[in-house]
């Protein structure tokens, strides 16, 4: 099973699900990590991102960031990247910097 990202609004976070046993059949699917957020009128503030160490080195953090930011774009939300991981990911992928309001980019070093 390919990793999948899903919004869990009841938990205020995006979760990434991945195959824990590594055989690809999906029977060992677990929550491998999450990006926690606070949602307000027209804005989503990312505050914490975490990948379980057992899933490290698979690029799941980047996939989680990309899918969460793509969803924010599709929903027309401005992004406030308080989380250092999300902020760093945007810095490495400048095509996502437009999601951060121009007047607030300097505050985030973008």
PDB file of N, CA and C in Angstrom:
ATOM      1  N   UNK A   1       0.837  -1.189   0.000  1.00  0.00           N
ATOM      2  CA  UNK A   1       0.000   0.000   0.000  1.00  0.00           C
ATOM      3  C   UNK A   1       0.879   1.250   0.000  1.00  0.00           C
ATOM      4  N   UNK A   2       0.550   2.168  -0.876  1.00  0.00           N
ATOM      5  CA  UNK A   2       1.251   3.448  -0.901  1.00  0.00           C
ATOM      6  C   UNK A   2       0.829   4.268   0.317  1.00  0.00           C
ATOM      7  N   UNK A   3       1.736   5.078   0.874  1.00  0.00           N
ATOM      8  CA  UNK A   3       1.339   5.952   1.991  1.00  0.00           C
ATOM      9  C   UNK A   3       0.200   6.875   1.578  1.00  0.00           C
ATOM     10  N   UNK A   4      -0.704   7.125   2.507  1.00  0.00           N
ATOM     11  CA  UNK A   4      -1.851   7.988   2.241  1.00  0.00           C
ATOM     12  C   UNK A   4      -1.971   9.039   3.331  1.00  0.00           C
ATOM     13  N   UNK A   5      -2.314  10.258   2.914  1.00  0.00           N
ATOM     14  CA  UNK A   5      -2.516  11.369   3.842  1.00  0.00           C
ATOM     15  C   UNK A   5      -4.011  11.660   3.913  1.00  0.00           C
ATOM     16  N   UNK A   6      -4.493  11.846   5.141  1.00  0.00           N
ATOM     17  CA  UNK A   6      -5.911  12.152   5.340  1.00  0.00           C
ATOM     18  C   UNK A   6      -6.055  13.252   6.382  1.00  0.00           C
ATOM     19  N   UNK A   7      -6.988  14.161   6.125  1.00  0.00           N
ATOM     20  CA  UNK A   7      -7.318  15.191   7.112  1.00  0.00           C
ATOM     21  C   UNK A   7      -8.213  14.554   8.168  1.00  0.00           C
ATOM     22  N   UNK A   8      -7.888  14.772   9.418  1.00  0.00           N
ATOM     23  CA  UNK A   8      -8.693  14.292  10.546  1.00  0.00           C
ATOM     24  C   UNK A   8      -9.133  15.519  11.345  1.00  0.00           C
ATOM     25  N   UNK A   9     -10.157  16.247  10.839  1.00  0.00           N
ATOM     26  CA  UNK A   9     -10.552  17.495  11.495  1.00  0.00           C
ATOM     27  C   UNK A   9     -10.963  17.319  12.956  1.00  0.00           C
ATOM     28  N   UNK A  10     -11.484  16.144  13.314  1.00  0.00           N
ATOM     29  CA  UNK A  10     -11.861  15.919  14.704  1.00  0.00           C
ATOM     30  C   UNK A  10     -10.646  15.887  15.634  1.00  0.00           C
ATOM     31  N   UNK A  11      -9.456  15.663  15.051  1.00  0.00           N
ATOM     32  CA  UNK A  11      -8.201  15.671  15.810  1.00  0.00           C
ATOM     33  C   UNK A  11      -7.360  16.905  15.490  1.00  0.00           C
ATOM     34  N   UNK A  12      -7.830  17.751  14.589  1.00  0.00           N
ATOM     35  CA  UNK A  12      -7.100  18.941  14.126  1.00  0.00           C
ATOM     36  C   UNK A  12      -5.710  18.566  13.620  1.00  0.00           C
ATOM     37  N   UNK A  13      -5.690  17.568  12.746  1.00  0.00           N
ATOM     38  CA  UNK A  13      -4.404  17.171  12.185  1.00  0.00           C
ATOM     39  C   UNK A  13      -4.586  16.361  10.908  1.00  0.00           C
ATOM     40  N   UNK A  14      -3.541  16.410  10.089  1.00  0.00           N
ATOM     41  CA  UNK A  14      -3.424  15.530   8.942  1.00  0.00           C
ATOM     42  C   UNK A  14      -2.611  14.335   9.419  1.00  0.00           C
ATOM     43  N   UNK A  15      -3.006  13.149   9.008  1.00  0.00           N
ATOM     44  CA  UNK A  15      -2.271  11.943   9.369  1.00  0.00           C
ATOM     45  C   UNK A  15      -1.770  11.269   8.103  1.00  0.00           C
ATOM     46  N   UNK A  16      -0.598  10.645   8.215  1.00  0.00           N
ATOM     47  CA  UNK A  16      -0.089   9.836   7.113  1.00  0.00           C
ATOM     48  C   UNK A  16      -0.100   8.381   7.562  1.00  0.00           C
ATOM     49  N   UNK A  17      -0.717   7.559   6.733  1.00  0.00           N
ATOM     50  CA  UNK A  17      -0.805   6.123   6.996  1.00  0.00           C
ATOM     51  C   UNK A  17       0.184   5.415   6.088  1.00  0.00           C
ATOM     52  N   UNK A  18       0.917   4.460   6.666  1.00  0.00           N
ATOM     53  CA  UNK A  18       1.918   3.740   5.898  1.00  0.00           C
ATOM     54  C   UNK A  18       1.978   2.293   6.364  1.00  0.00           C
ATOM     55  N   UNK A  19       2.566   1.473   5.538  1.00  0.00           N
ATOM     56  CA  UNK A  19       2.721   0.047   5.805  1.00  0.00           C
ATOM     57  C   UNK A  19       3.851  -0.146   6.819  1.00  0.00           C
ATOM     58  N   UNK A  20       3.502  -0.630   8.002  1.00  0.00           N
ATOM     59  CA  UNK A  20       4.490  -0.797   9.069  1.00  0.00           C
ATOM     60  C   UNK A  20       5.351  -2.037   8.877  1.00  0.00           C
ATOM     61  N   UNK A  21       4.780  -3.090   8.299  1.00  0.00           N
ATOM     62  CA  UNK A  21       5.557  -4.321   8.184  1.00  0.00           C
ATOM     63  C   UNK A  21       6.371  -4.393   6.896  1.00  0.00           C
ATOM     64  N   UNK A  22       6.206  -3.401   6.023  1.00  0.00           N
ATOM     65  CA  UNK A  22       7.063  -3.271   4.849  1.00  0.00           C
ATOM     66  C   UNK A  22       6.786  -4.230   3.710  1.00  0.00           C
ATOM     67  N   UNK A  23       5.741  -5.062   3.797  1.00  0.00           N
ATOM     68  CA  UNK A  23       5.502  -6.015   2.712  1.00  0.00           C
ATOM     69  C   UNK A  23       4.572  -5.478   1.625  1.00  0.00           C
ATOM     70  N   UNK A  24       4.000  -4.278   1.866  1.00  0.00           N
ATOM     71  CA  UNK A  24       3.197  -3.625   0.840  1.00  0.00           C
ATOM     72  C   UNK A  24       1.790  -4.128   0.678  1.00  0.00           C
ATOM     73  N   UNK A  25       1.374  -5.113   1.476  1.00  0.00           N
ATOM     74  CA  UNK A  25       0.016  -5.634   1.282  1.00  0.00           C
ATOM     75  C   UNK A  25      -1.052  -4.861   2.044  1.00  0.00           C
ATOM     76  N   UNK A  26      -0.633  -3.898   2.877  1.00  0.00           N
ATOM     77  CA  UNK A  26      -1.585  -3.029   3.563  1.00  0.00           C
ATOM     78  C   UNK A  26      -2.148  -3.582   4.855  1.00  0.00           C
ATOM     79  N   UNK A  27      -1.826  -4.839   5.196  1.00  0.00           N
ATOM     80  CA  UNK A  27      -2.385  -5.387   6.426  1.00  0.00           C
ATOM     81  C   UNK A  27      -1.697  -4.848   7.674  1.00  0.00           C
ATOM     82  N   UNK A  28      -0.553  -4.222   7.512  1.00  0.00           N
ATOM     83  CA  UNK A  28       0.163  -3.641   8.648  1.00  0.00           C
ATOM     84  C   UNK A  28       0.112  -2.128   8.647  1.00  0.00           C
ATOM     85  N   UNK A  29      -0.954  -1.549   8.084  1.00  0.00           N
ATOM     86  CA  UNK A  29      -1.068  -0.104   7.962  1.00  0.00           C
ATOM     87  C   UNK A  29      -1.244   0.545   9.334  1.00  0.00           C
ATOM     88  N   UNK A  30      -0.444   1.578   9.567  1.00  0.00           N
ATOM     89  CA  UNK A  30      -0.503   2.313  10.834  1.00  0.00           C
ATOM     90  C   UNK A  30      -0.364   3.804  10.559  1.00  0.00           C
ATOM     91  N   UNK A  31      -0.748   4.598  11.564  1.00  0.00           N
ATOM     92  CA  UNK A  31      -0.497   6.033  11.493  1.00  0.00           C
ATOM     93  C   UNK A  31       1.003   6.227  11.709  1.00  0.00           C
ATOM     94  N   UNK A  32       1.669   6.707  10.673  1.00  0.00           N
ATOM     95  CA  UNK A  32       3.117   6.884  10.726  1.00  0.00           C
ATOM     96  C   UNK A  32       3.514   8.264  11.223  1.00  0.00           C
ATOM     97  N   UNK A  33       2.593   9.215  11.163  1.00  0.00           N
ATOM     98  CA  UNK A  33       2.905  10.568  11.602  1.00  0.00           C
ATOM     99  C   UNK A  33       1.711  11.482  11.416  1.00  0.00           C
ATOM    100  N   UNK A  34       1.930  12.733  11.809  1.00  0.00           N
ATOM    101  CA  UNK A  34       0.838  13.706  11.715  1.00  0.00           C
ATOM    102  C   UNK A  34       1.390  15.114  11.650  1.00  0.00           C
ATOM    103  N   UNK A  35       0.559  16.016  11.138  1.00  0.00           N
ATOM    104  CA  UNK A  35       0.824  17.454  11.132  1.00  0.00           C
ATOM    105  C   UNK A  35      -0.369  18.105  11.823  1.00  0.00           C
ATOM    106  N   UNK A  36      -0.130  18.611  13.017  1.00  0.00           N
ATOM    107  CA  UNK A  36      -1.197  19.221  13.814  1.00  0.00           C
ATOM    108  C   UNK A  36      -1.410  20.663  13.374  1.00  0.00           C
ATOM    109  N   UNK A  37      -2.673  21.086  13.388  1.00  0.00           N
ATOM    110  CA  UNK A  37      -2.986  22.442  12.943  1.00  0.00           C
ATOM    111  C   UNK A  37      -4.089  23.062  13.783  1.00  0.00           C
ATOM    112  N   UNK A  38      -4.180  24.391  13.664  1.00  0.00           N
ATOM    113  CA  UNK A  38      -5.298  25.161  14.196  1.00  0.00           C
ATOM    114  C   UNK A  38      -5.930  25.859  13.006  1.00  0.00           C
ATOM    115  N   UNK A  39      -7.228  25.672  12.866  1.00  0.00           N
ATOM    116  CA  UNK A  39      -7.953  26.248  11.743  1.00  0.00           C
ATOM    117  C   UNK A  39      -8.778  27.422  12.237  1.00  0.00           C
ATOM    118  N   UNK A  40      -8.680  28.544  11.512  1.00  0.00           N
ATOM    119  CA  UNK A  40      -9.515  29.704  11.814  1.00  0.00           C
ATOM    120  C   UNK A  40     -10.004  30.277  10.487  1.00  0.00           C
ATOM    121  N   UNK A  41     -10.729  31.352  10.548  1.00  0.00           N
ATOM    122  CA  UNK A  41     -11.335  31.953   9.361  1.00  0.00           C
ATOM    123  C   UNK A  41     -10.309  32.176   8.241  1.00  0.00           C
ATOM    124  N   UNK A  42     -10.326  31.302   7.241  1.00  0.00           N
ATOM    125  CA  UNK A  42      -9.474  31.475   6.069  1.00  0.00           C
ATOM    126  C   UNK A  42      -8.007  31.151   6.265  1.00  0.00           C
ATOM    127  N   UNK A  43      -7.630  30.627   7.439  1.00  0.00           N
ATOM    128  CA  UNK A  43      -6.224  30.335   7.724  1.00  0.00           C
ATOM    129  C   UNK A  43      -6.073  28.971   8.383  1.00  0.00           C
ATOM    130  N   UNK A  44      -4.943  28.354   8.081  1.00  0.00           N
ATOM    131  CA  UNK A  44      -4.563  27.129   8.773  1.00  0.00           C
ATOM    132  C   UNK A  44      -3.151  27.337   9.314  1.00  0.00           C
ATOM    133  N   UNK A  45      -3.010  27.199  10.618  1.00  0.00           N
ATOM    134  CA  UNK A  45      -1.714  27.368  11.272  1.00  0.00           C
ATOM    135  C   UNK A  45      -1.177  25.988  11.624  1.00  0.00           C
ATOM    136  N   UNK A  46      -0.074  25.605  11.003  1.00  0.00           N
ATOM    137  CA  UNK A  46       0.568  24.331  11.327  1.00  0.00           C
ATOM    138  C   UNK A  46       1.474  24.556  12.537  1.00  0.00           C
ATOM    139  N   UNK A  47       1.263  23.737  13.575  1.00  0.00           N
ATOM    140  CA  UNK A  47       1.975  23.968  14.837  1.00  0.00           C
ATOM    141  C   UNK A  47       2.938  22.853  15.223  1.00  0.00           C
ATOM    142  N   UNK A  48       2.747  21.651  14.702  1.00  0.00           N
ATOM    143  CA  UNK A  48       3.633  20.549  15.089  1.00  0.00           C
ATOM    144  C   UNK A  48       3.508  19.421  14.074  1.00  0.00           C
ATOM    145  N   UNK A  49       4.643  18.886  13.665  1.00  0.00           N
ATOM    146  CA  UNK A  49       4.671  17.737  12.769  1.00  0.00           C
ATOM    147  C   UNK A  49       5.566  16.683  13.388  1.00  0.00           C
ATOM    148  N   UNK A  50       5.130  15.440  13.278  1.00  0.00           N
ATOM    149  CA  UNK A  50       5.882  14.351  13.895  1.00  0.00           C
ATOM    150  C   UNK A  50       5.749  13.090  13.041  1.00  0.00           C
ATOM    151  N   UNK A  51       6.871  12.409  12.817  1.00  0.00           N
ATOM    152  CA  UNK A  51       6.882  11.107  12.155  1.00  0.00           C
ATOM    153  C   UNK A  51       7.436  10.108  13.167  1.00  0.00           C
ATOM    154  N   UNK A  52       6.738   9.005  13.341  1.00  0.00           N
ATOM    155  CA  UNK A  52       7.190   7.951  14.240  1.00  0.00           C
ATOM    156  C   UNK A  52       8.574   7.485  13.777  1.00  0.00           C
ATOM    157  N   UNK A  53       9.535   7.393  14.699  1.00  0.00           N
ATOM    158  CA  UNK A  53      10.898   6.993  14.313  1.00  0.00           C
ATOM    159  C   UNK A  53      10.964   5.661  13.553  1.00  0.00           C
ATOM    160  N   UNK A  54      10.010   4.780  13.779  1.00  0.00           N
ATOM    161  CA  UNK A  54       9.999   3.500  13.057  1.00  0.00           C
ATOM    162  C   UNK A  54       9.797   3.689  11.559  1.00  0.00           C
ATOM    163  N   UNK A  55       9.255   4.853  11.168  1.00  0.00           N
ATOM    164  CA  UNK A  55       8.976   5.130   9.764  1.00  0.00           C
ATOM    165  C   UNK A  55       9.967   6.132   9.165  1.00  0.00           C
ATOM    166  N   UNK A  56      10.983   6.479   9.929  1.00  0.00           N
ATOM    167  CA  UNK A  56      11.957   7.478   9.478  1.00  0.00           C
ATOM    168  C   UNK A  56      12.709   7.049   8.230  1.00  0.00           C
ATOM    169  N   UNK A  57      13.168   8.023   7.476  1.00  0.00           N
ATOM    170  CA  UNK A  57      13.983   7.775   6.298  1.00  0.00           C
ATOM    171  C   UNK A  57      13.221   7.340   5.060  1.00  0.00           C
ATOM    172  N   UNK A  58      11.907   7.397   5.094  1.00  0.00           N
ATOM    173  CA  UNK A  58      11.100   6.984   3.941  1.00  0.00           C
ATOM    174  C   UNK A  58      10.532   8.170   3.167  1.00  0.00           C
ATOM    175  N   UNK A  59      10.823   9.391   3.616  1.00  0.00           N
ATOM    176  CA  UNK A  59      10.290  10.570   2.941  1.00  0.00           C
ATOM    177  C   UNK A  59       8.841  10.866   3.288  1.00  0.00           C
ATOM    178  N   UNK A  60       8.342  10.253   4.357  1.00  0.00           N
ATOM    179  CA  UNK A  60       6.939  10.435   4.712  1.00  0.00           C
ATOM    180  C   UNK A  60       6.633  11.835   5.213  1.00  0.00           C
ATOM    181  N   UNK A  61       7.591  12.481   5.868  1.00  0.00           N
ATOM    182  CA  UNK A  61       7.376  13.853   6.338  1.00  0.00           C
ATOM    183  C   UNK A  61       7.127  14.798   5.177  1.00  0.00           C
ATOM    184  N   UNK A  62       7.930  14.661   4.122  1.00  0.00           N
ATOM    185  CA  UNK A  62       7.746  15.501   2.942  1.00  0.00           C
ATOM    186  C   UNK A  62       6.431  15.239   2.246  1.00  0.00           C
ATOM    187  N   UNK A  63       6.048  13.977   2.159  1.00  0.00           N
ATOM    188  CA  UNK A  63       4.761  13.627   1.551  1.00  0.00           C
ATOM    189  C   UNK A  63       3.609  14.201   2.365  1.00  0.00           C
ATOM    190  N   UNK A  64       3.718  14.106   3.680  1.00  0.00           N
ATOM    191  CA  UNK A  64       2.696  14.668   4.565  1.00  0.00           C
ATOM    192  C   UNK A  64       2.585  16.172   4.374  1.00  0.00           C
ATOM    193  N   UNK A  65       3.728  16.865   4.359  1.00  0.00           N
ATOM    194  CA  UNK A  65       3.732  18.323   4.180  1.00  0.00           C
ATOM    195  C   UNK A  65       3.112  18.703   2.842  1.00  0.00           C
ATOM    196  N   UNK A  66       3.551  18.040   1.775  1.00  0.00           N
ATOM    197  CA  UNK A  66       3.042  18.370   0.438  1.00  0.00           C
ATOM    198  C   UNK A  66       1.530  18.175   0.345  1.00  0.00           C
ATOM    199  N   UNK A  67       1.053  17.033   0.811  1.00  0.00           N
ATOM    200  CA  UNK A  67      -0.384  16.766   0.696  1.00  0.00           C
ATOM    201  C   UNK A  67      -1.208  17.718   1.565  1.00  0.00           C
ATOM    202  N   UNK A  68      -0.720  18.035   2.762  1.00  0.00           N
ATOM    203  CA  UNK A  68      -1.442  18.971   3.638  1.00  0.00           C
ATOM    204  C   UNK A  68      -1.489  20.363   3.005  1.00  0.00           C
ATOM    205  N   UNK A  69      -0.362  20.796   2.439  1.00  0.00           N
ATOM    206  CA  UNK A  69      -0.319  22.114   1.807  1.00  0.00           C
ATOM    207  C   UNK A  69      -1.143  22.147   0.522  1.00  0.00           C
ATOM    208  N   UNK A  70      -1.141  21.054  -0.235  1.00  0.00           N
ATOM    209  CA  UNK A  70      -1.982  20.986  -1.425  1.00  0.00           C
ATOM    210  C   UNK A  70      -3.459  21.090  -1.041  1.00  0.00           C
ATOM    211  N   UNK A  71      -3.831  20.453   0.066  1.00  0.00           N
ATOM    212  CA  UNK A  71      -5.213  20.528   0.529  1.00  0.00           C
ATOM    213  C   UNK A  71      -5.557  21.951   0.971  1.00  0.00           C
ATOM    214  N   UNK A  72      -4.627  22.604   1.671  1.00  0.00           N
ATOM    215  CA  UNK A  72      -4.855  23.993   2.089  1.00  0.00           C
ATOM    216  C   UNK A  72      -5.066  24.876   0.860  1.00  0.00           C
ATOM    217  N   UNK A  73      -4.253  24.673  -0.178  1.00  0.00           N
ATOM    218  CA  UNK A  73      -4.405  25.451  -1.417  1.00  0.00           C
ATOM    219  C   UNK A  73      -5.773  25.191  -2.046  1.00  0.00           C
ATOM    220  N   UNK A  74      -6.170  23.931  -2.132  1.00  0.00           N
ATOM    221  CA  UNK A  74      -7.452  23.576  -2.734  1.00  0.00           C
ATOM    222  C   UNK A  74      -8.621  24.188  -1.963  1.00  0.00           C
ATOM    223  N   UNK A  75      -8.461  24.364  -0.670  1.00  0.00           N
ATOM    224  CA  UNK A  75      -9.513  24.937   0.172  1.00  0.00           C
ATOM    225  C   UNK A  75      -9.438  26.457   0.252  1.00  0.00           C
ATOM    226  N   UNK A  76      -8.433  27.051  -0.399  1.00  0.00           N
ATOM    227  CA  UNK A  76      -8.288  28.503  -0.406  1.00  0.00           C
ATOM    228  C   UNK A  76      -7.831  29.075   0.922  1.00  0.00           C
ATOM    229  N   UNK A  77      -7.077  28.285   1.707  1.00  0.00           N
ATOM    230  CA  UNK A  77      -6.619  28.726   3.024  1.00  0.00           C
ATOM    231  C   UNK A  77      -5.225  29.342   2.948  1.00  0.00           C
ATOM    232  N   UNK A  78      -4.995  30.379   3.722  1.00  0.00           N
ATOM    233  CA  UNK A  78      -3.653  30.908   3.919  1.00  0.00           C
ATOM    234  C   UNK A  78      -2.958  30.021   4.946  1.00  0.00           C
ATOM    235  N   UNK A  79      -1.661  29.852   4.793  1.00  0.00           N
ATOM    236  CA  UNK A  79      -0.887  28.966   5.662  1.00  0.00           C
ATOM    237  C   UNK A  79       0.019  29.786   6.571  1.00  0.00           C
ATOM    238  N   UNK A  80      -0.011  29.452   7.856  1.00  0.00           N
ATOM    239  CA  UNK A  80       0.891  30.035   8.841  1.00  0.00           C
ATOM    240  C   UNK A  80       1.770  28.893   9.363  1.00  0.00           C
ATOM    241  N   UNK A  81       3.017  28.811   8.878  1.00  0.00           N
ATOM    242  CA  UNK A  81       3.872  27.670   9.218  1.00  0.00           C
ATOM    243  C   UNK A  81       4.670  27.871  10.516  1.00  0.00           C
ATOM    244  N   UNK A  82       3.993  27.815  11.641  1.00  0.00           N
ATOM    245  CA  UNK A  82       4.684  27.926  12.931  1.00  0.00           C
ATOM    246  C   UNK A  82       5.558  26.696  13.188  1.00  0.00           C
ATOM    247  N   UNK A  83       5.151  25.560  12.671  1.00  0.00           N
ATOM    248  CA  UNK A  83       5.915  24.325  12.833  1.00  0.00           C
ATOM    249  C   UNK A  83       7.228  24.439  12.043  1.00  0.00           C
ATOM    250  N   UNK A  84       8.368  24.190  12.695  1.00  0.00           N
ATOM    251  CA  UNK A  84       9.655  24.296  11.991  1.00  0.00           C
ATOM    252  C   UNK A  84       9.775  23.352  10.792  1.00  0.00           C
ATOM    253  N   UNK A  85       9.191  22.179  10.872  1.00  0.00           N
ATOM    254  CA  UNK A  85       9.288  21.245   9.748  1.00  0.00           C
ATOM    255  C   UNK A  85       8.530  21.772   8.537  1.00  0.00           C
ATOM    256  N   UNK A  86       7.287  22.187   8.730  1.00  0.00           N
ATOM    257  CA  UNK A  86       6.483  22.713   7.612  1.00  0.00           C
ATOM    258  C   UNK A  86       7.141  23.971   7.049  1.00  0.00           C
ATOM    259  N   UNK A  87       7.625  24.853   7.933  1.00  0.00           N
ATOM    260  CA  UNK A  87       8.291  26.081   7.490  1.00  0.00           C
ATOM    261  C   UNK A  87       9.535  25.741   6.662  1.00  0.00           C
ATOM    262  N   UNK A  88      10.333  24.778   7.129  1.00  0.00           N
ATOM    263  CA  UNK A  88      11.527  24.371   6.396  1.00  0.00           C
ATOM    264  C   UNK A  88      11.192  23.730   5.064  1.00  0.00           C
ATOM    265  N   UNK A  89      10.113  22.960   5.045  1.00  0.00           N
ATOM    266  CA  UNK A  89       9.710  22.312   3.805  1.00  0.00           C
ATOM    267  C   UNK A  89       9.285  23.351   2.777  1.00  0.00           C
ATOM    268  N   UNK A  90       8.539  24.351   3.204  1.00  0.00           N
ATOM    269  CA  UNK A  90       8.150  25.439   2.294  1.00  0.00           C
ATOM    270  C   UNK A  90       9.404  26.166   1.795  1.00  0.00           C
ATOM    271  N   UNK A  91      10.363  26.387   2.675  1.00  0.00           N
ATOM    272  CA  UNK A  91      11.605  27.043   2.273  1.00  0.00           C
ATOM    273  C   UNK A  91      12.351  26.277   1.192  1.00  0.00           C
ATOM    274  N   UNK A  92      12.280  24.939   1.238  1.00  0.00           N
ATOM    275  CA  UNK A  92      12.942  24.100   0.239  1.00  0.00           C
ATOM    276  C   UNK A  92      12.083  23.909  -1.013  1.00  0.00           C
ATOM    277  N   UNK A  93      10.824  24.263  -0.922  1.00  0.00           N
ATOM    278  CA  UNK A  93       9.882  24.109  -2.040  1.00  0.00           C
ATOM    279  C   UNK A  93       9.165  25.439  -2.248  1.00  0.00           C
ATOM    280  N   UNK A  94       9.869  26.430  -2.799  1.00  0.00           N
ATOM    281  CA  UNK A  94       9.341  27.794  -2.865  1.00  0.00           C
ATOM    282  C   UNK A  94       8.055  27.949  -3.659  1.00  0.00           C
ATOM    283  N   UNK A  95       7.671  26.944  -4.431  1.00  0.00           N
ATOM    284  CA  UNK A  95       6.394  27.025  -5.141  1.00  0.00           C
ATOM    285  C   UNK A  95       5.204  26.999  -4.178  1.00  0.00           C
ATOM    286  N   UNK A  96       5.475  26.735  -2.900  1.00  0.00           N
ATOM    287  CA  UNK A  96       4.421  26.754  -1.878  1.00  0.00           C
ATOM    288  C   UNK A  96       4.441  28.038  -1.042  1.00  0.00           C
ATOM    289  N   UNK A  97       5.433  28.891  -1.235  1.00  0.00           N
ATOM    290  CA  UNK A  97       5.551  30.116  -0.429  1.00  0.00           C
ATOM    291  C   UNK A  97       4.364  31.047  -0.613  1.00  0.00           C
ATOM    292  N   UNK A  98       3.714  30.990  -1.766  1.00  0.00           N
ATOM    293  CA  UNK A  98       2.565  31.869  -1.997  1.00  0.00           C
ATOM    294  C   UNK A  98       1.390  31.554  -1.073  1.00  0.00           C
ATOM    295  N   UNK A  99       1.398  30.401  -0.429  1.00  0.00           N
ATOM    296  CA  UNK A  99       0.340  30.069   0.525  1.00  0.00           C
ATOM    297  C   UNK A  99       0.440  30.903   1.799  1.00  0.00           C
ATOM    298  N   UNK A 100       1.654  31.353   2.102  1.00  0.00           N
ATOM    299  CA  UNK A 100       1.878  32.182   3.286  1.00  0.00           C
ATOM    300  C   UNK A 100       1.596  33.630   2.892  1.00  0.00           C
ATOM    301  N   UNK A 101       0.741  34.325   3.646  1.00  0.00           N
ATOM    302  CA  UNK A 101       0.447  35.719   3.293  1.00  0.00           C
ATOM    303  C   UNK A 101       1.737  36.527   3.156  1.00  0.00           C
ATOM    304  N   UNK A 102       1.821  37.312   2.093  1.00  0.00           N
ATOM    305  CA  UNK A 102       3.046  38.061   1.785  1.00  0.00           C
ATOM    306  C   UNK A 102       3.507  38.904   2.976  1.00  0.00           C
ATOM    307  N   UNK A 103       2.581  39.540   3.654  1.00  0.00           N
ATOM    308  CA  UNK A 103       2.938  40.404   4.779  1.00  0.00           C
ATOM    309  C   UNK A 103       3.499  39.631   5.960  1.00  0.00           C
ATOM    310  N   UNK A 104       3.343  38.293   5.963  1.00  0.00           N
ATOM    311  CA  UNK A 104       3.807  37.498   7.104  1.00  0.00           C
ATOM    312  C   UNK A 104       4.993  36.607   6.748  1.00  0.00           C
ATOM    313  N   UNK A 105       5.419  36.610   5.512  1.00  0.00           N
ATOM    314  CA  UNK A 105       6.528  35.744   5.101  1.00  0.00           C
ATOM    315  C   UNK A 105       7.828  36.051   5.826  1.00  0.00           C
ATOM    316  N   UNK A 106       8.120  37.321   6.032  1.00  0.00           N
ATOM    317  CA  UNK A 106       9.366  37.681   6.722  1.00  0.00           C
ATOM    318  C   UNK A 106       9.372  37.128   8.146  1.00  0.00           C
ATOM    319  N   UNK A 107       8.235  37.131   8.805  1.00  0.00           N
ATOM    320  CA  UNK A 107       8.133  36.592  10.162  1.00  0.00           C
ATOM    321  C   UNK A 107       8.545  35.130  10.210  1.00  0.00           C
ATOM    322  N   UNK A 108       8.273  34.410   9.085  1.00  0.00           N
ATOM    323  CA  UNK A 108       8.602  32.992   9.005  1.00  0.00           C
ATOM    324  C   UNK A 108       9.912  32.729   8.247  1.00  0.00           C
ATOM    325  N   UNK A 109      10.604  33.796   7.866  1.00  0.00           N
ATOM    326  CA  UNK A 109      11.866  33.647   7.154  1.00  0.00           C
ATOM    327  C   UNK A 109      11.702  33.134   5.728  1.00  0.00           C
ATOM    328  N   UNK A 110      10.569  33.475   5.132  1.00  0.00           N
ATOM    329  CA  UNK A 110      10.297  32.981   3.761  1.00  0.00           C
ATOM    330  C   UNK A 110      10.293  34.126   2.763  1.00  0.00           C
TER     331      UNK A 110
END
